[in-house]
Amino acid sequence: MAPDDDIAERLIAVIIEELEVEEVDVHLESEFAEFGTSLELAALAVAVEEEFGIEIPDDDADVMETVRDAVEYL
């Protein structure tokens, strides 16, 4: 398994749990806007920060539109 695969799996698991979406609906090209409101996405950002032990500056988070964008960032 490539490192990016592990990151993608962990990120998708957080998305599924935090936003209560179906696994089948989450893939690398999925856009975060499809998954919830801005408030829900802010909660997702906090959950991702906790999962990966990092802080994502708002400016960086604002340009992440797809799951792939987030995987590449992480």
Protein backbone atom coordinates (compact mmCIF):
# COMPACT_ATOMS: atom_id res chain seq x y z
CA MET A 1 0.00 0.00 0.00
CA ALA A 2 1.37 3.39 -0.98
CA PRO A 3 1.50 6.14 1.68
CA ASP A 4 -1.14 8.12 -0.25
CA ASP A 5 -3.45 5.09 -0.12
CA ASP A 6 -3.25 5.03 3.68
CA ILE A 7 -3.93 8.77 3.85
CA ALA A 8 -6.87 8.44 1.46
CA GLU A 9 -8.36 5.55 3.46
CA ARG A 10 -8.04 7.44 6.75
CA LEU A 11 -9.45 10.63 5.27
CA ILE A 12 -12.40 8.85 3.66
CA ALA A 13 -13.14 7.09 6.97
CA VAL A 14 -13.25 10.48 8.73
CA ILE A 15 -15.54 11.91 6.04
CA ILE A 16 -17.92 8.94 6.31
CA GLU A 17 -18.03 9.10 10.10
CA GLU A 18 -18.20 12.88 10.52
CA LEU A 19 -20.65 13.66 7.72
CA GLU A 20 -22.62 10.40 7.84
CA VAL A 21 -22.31 9.75 4.11
CA GLU A 22 -22.21 6.38 2.38
CA GLU A 23 -18.79 4.96 1.53
CA VAL A 24 -19.89 4.44 -2.06
CA ASP A 25 -20.44 8.22 -2.38
CA VAL A 26 -16.90 9.18 -1.34
CA HIS A 27 -14.05 8.95 -3.86
CA LEU A 28 -10.99 11.00 -4.73
CA GLU A 29 -12.85 13.22 -7.18
CA SER A 30 -15.71 13.95 -4.76
CA GLU A 31 -16.12 17.63 -3.99
CA PHE A 32 -16.45 18.57 -0.34
CA ALA A 33 -19.35 20.90 -1.21
CA GLU A 34 -21.38 17.77 -2.10
CA PHE A 35 -21.14 16.49 1.46
CA GLY A 36 -22.60 19.22 3.62
CA THR A 37 -23.02 22.77 4.73
CA SER A 38 -20.15 25.10 5.53
CA LEU A 39 -20.72 24.41 9.25
CA GLU A 40 -20.55 20.65 8.68
CA LEU A 41 -17.41 21.06 6.59
CA ALA A 42 -15.81 23.16 9.34
CA ALA A 43 -16.49 20.30 11.77
CA LEU A 44 -14.96 17.92 9.23
CA ALA A 45 -11.82 20.07 9.07
CA VAL A 46 -11.47 19.82 12.86
CA ALA A 47 -11.94 16.04 12.71
CA VAL A 48 -9.29 15.76 9.97
CA GLU A 49 -6.88 17.88 11.99
CA GLU A 50 -7.40 15.60 14.98
CA GLU A 51 -7.02 12.40 12.91
CA PHE A 52 -3.75 13.54 11.33
CA GLY A 53 -2.36 15.56 14.26
CA ILE A 54 -1.96 18.74 12.22
CA GLU A 55 -3.43 22.21 11.95
CA ILE A 56 -4.74 23.25 8.55
CA PRO A 57 -4.68 27.02 8.04
CA ASP A 58 -7.96 28.46 6.74
CA ASP A 59 -6.23 29.70 3.57
CA ASP A 60 -5.12 26.15 2.78
CA ALA A 61 -8.50 24.62 3.63
CA ASP A 62 -10.27 27.13 1.39
CA VAL A 63 -8.50 25.87 -1.73
CA MET A 64 -9.17 22.17 -1.10
CA GLU A 65 -12.18 21.38 -3.23
CA THR A 66 -11.91 17.61 -3.68
CA VAL A 67 -10.91 14.64 -1.57
CA ARG A 68 -7.84 14.29 -3.83
CA ASP A 69 -6.83 17.88 -2.99
CA ALA A 70 -6.93 17.02 0.70
CA VAL A 71 -5.00 13.76 0.24
CA GLU A 72 -2.28 15.60 -1.67
CA TYR A 73 -2.15 18.27 1.06
CA LEU A 74 -1.91 15.71 3.84
